[in-house]
Amino acid sequence: MNFNNLFEFELLKLVEARIATLSENITNAHAVVDYSDYKYQVGRIAGLREFEDLREEVNKIISER
C-alpha cells in the first residue's frame, strides 16, 4: 500500500468508529441530554456518512481518468 491508500484506509476506520460511537450514544438514554442534543448527534452522523459518500465519488472520478 502506498501512503495515500494507507491514509484513506486509516481515516475510514476512524470515521466508521466515530459513527459507531455516536450511534451508540444516541441509543443510550443517559448520553443524550435533550432533543436538540439528539438532533446535533444525528447531524454529526449524517455529516460523516456524507464524507464517506464523497470519498467514494472522488475514487470513482479518479478511476475513470
C-alpha atoms as a PDB file:
ATOM      1  CA  MET A   1       0.000   0.000   0.000  1.00  0.00           C
ATOM      2  CA  ASN A   2       1.211   3.466  -0.777  1.00  0.00           C
ATOM      3  CA  PHE A   3       0.847   6.342   1.645  1.00  0.00           C
ATOM      4  CA  ASN A   4      -2.384   7.679   0.114  1.00  0.00           C
ATOM      5  CA  ASN A   5      -4.118   4.292   0.243  1.00  0.00           C
ATOM      6  CA  LEU A   6      -2.968   3.717   3.799  1.00  0.00           C
ATOM      7  CA  PHE A   7      -4.104   7.202   4.832  1.00  0.00           C
ATOM      8  CA  GLU A   8      -7.540   6.653   3.263  1.00  0.00           C
ATOM      9  CA  PHE A   9      -7.883   3.233   4.891  1.00  0.00           C
ATOM     10  CA  GLU A  10      -6.989   4.508   8.369  1.00  0.00           C
ATOM     11  CA  LEU A  11      -9.176   7.607   8.007  1.00  0.00           C
ATOM     12  CA  LEU A  12     -12.173   5.489   7.042  1.00  0.00           C
ATOM     13  CA  LYS A  13     -11.602   3.223  10.038  1.00  0.00           C
ATOM     14  CA  LEU A  14     -11.669   6.275  12.301  1.00  0.00           C
ATOM     15  CA  VAL A  15     -14.805   7.657  10.632  1.00  0.00           C
ATOM     16  CA  GLU A  16     -16.599   4.321  10.975  1.00  0.00           C
ATOM     17  CA  ALA A  17     -15.562   4.070  14.626  1.00  0.00           C
ATOM     18  CA  ARG A  18     -16.834   7.591  15.292  1.00  0.00           C
ATOM     19  CA  ILE A  19     -20.167   6.797  13.621  1.00  0.00           C
ATOM     20  CA  ALA A  20     -20.472   3.684  15.773  1.00  0.00           C
ATOM     21  CA  THR A  21     -19.704   5.653  18.948  1.00  0.00           C
ATOM     22  CA  LEU A  22     -22.189   8.408  18.108  1.00  0.00           C
ATOM     23  CA  SER A  23     -24.865   5.855  17.231  1.00  0.00           C
ATOM     24  CA  GLU A  24     -24.253   4.041  20.496  1.00  0.00           C
ATOM     25  CA  ASN A  25     -24.536   7.317  22.406  1.00  0.00           C
ATOM     26  CA  ILE A  26     -27.892   8.054  20.789  1.00  0.00           C
ATOM     27  CA  THR A  27     -29.297   4.684  21.808  1.00  0.00           C
ATOM     28  CA  ASN A  28     -28.073   5.206  25.370  1.00  0.00           C
ATOM     29  CA  ALA A  29     -30.718   7.318  27.090  1.00  0.00           C
ATOM     30  CA  HIS A  30     -28.191   8.758  29.549  1.00  0.00           C
ATOM     31  CA  ALA A  31     -25.882  10.105  26.819  1.00  0.00           C
ATOM     32  CA  VAL A  32     -28.473  12.337  25.139  1.00  0.00           C
ATOM     33  CA  VAL A  33     -29.384  15.380  27.194  1.00  0.00           C
ATOM     34  CA  ASP A  34     -32.368  16.691  25.221  1.00  0.00           C
ATOM     35  CA  TYR A  35     -33.890  16.784  21.755  1.00  0.00           C
ATOM     36  CA  SER A  36     -31.518  19.476  20.474  1.00  0.00           C
ATOM     37  CA  ASP A  37     -28.552  17.343  21.575  1.00  0.00           C
ATOM     38  CA  TYR A  38     -30.118  14.340  19.835  1.00  0.00           C
ATOM     39  CA  LYS A  39     -30.507  16.349  16.610  1.00  0.00           C
ATOM     40  CA  TYR A  40     -26.891  17.514  16.890  1.00  0.00           C
ATOM     41  CA  GLN A  41     -25.602  13.954  17.276  1.00  0.00           C
ATOM     42  CA  VAL A  42     -27.722  12.736  14.347  1.00  0.00           C
ATOM     43  CA  GLY A  43     -26.355  15.622  12.274  1.00  0.00           C
ATOM     44  CA  ARG A  44     -22.788  14.617  13.092  1.00  0.00           C
ATOM     45  CA  ILE A  45     -23.516  11.074  11.921  1.00  0.00           C
ATOM     46  CA  ALA A  46     -25.104  12.401   8.721  1.00  0.00           C
ATOM     47  CA  GLY A  47     -22.048  14.576   8.067  1.00  0.00           C
ATOM     48  CA  LEU A  48     -19.668  11.669   8.499  1.00  0.00           C
ATOM     49  CA  ARG A  49     -21.766   9.497   6.188  1.00  0.00           C
ATOM     50  CA  GLU A  50     -21.777  12.278   3.607  1.00  0.00           C
ATOM     51  CA  PHE A  51     -17.984  12.348   3.862  1.00  0.00           C
ATOM     52  CA  GLU A  52     -17.930   8.617   3.085  1.00  0.00           C
ATOM     53  CA  ASP A  53     -20.176   9.192   0.056  1.00  0.00           C
ATOM     54  CA  LEU A  54     -17.950  11.992  -1.209  1.00  0.00           C
ATOM     55  CA  ARG A  55     -14.877   9.798  -0.794  1.00  0.00           C
ATOM     56  CA  GLU A  56     -16.496   7.119  -2.933  1.00  0.00           C
ATOM     57  CA  GLU A  57     -17.402   9.711  -5.553  1.00  0.00           C
ATOM     58  CA  VAL A  58     -13.813  11.000  -5.647  1.00  0.00           C
ATOM     59  CA  ASN A  59     -12.479   7.464  -6.044  1.00  0.00           C
ATOM     60  CA  LYS A  60     -14.892   6.895  -8.938  1.00  0.00           C
ATOM     61  CA  ILE A  61     -13.835  10.138 -10.652  1.00  0.00           C
ATOM     62  CA  ILE A  62     -10.147   9.298 -10.247  1.00  0.00           C
ATOM     63  CA  SER A  63     -10.559   5.731 -11.526  1.00  0.00           C
ATOM     64  CA  GLU A  64     -12.323   6.970 -14.678  1.00  0.00           C
ATOM     65  CA  ARG A  65      -9.362   9.175 -15.636  1.00  0.00           C
END
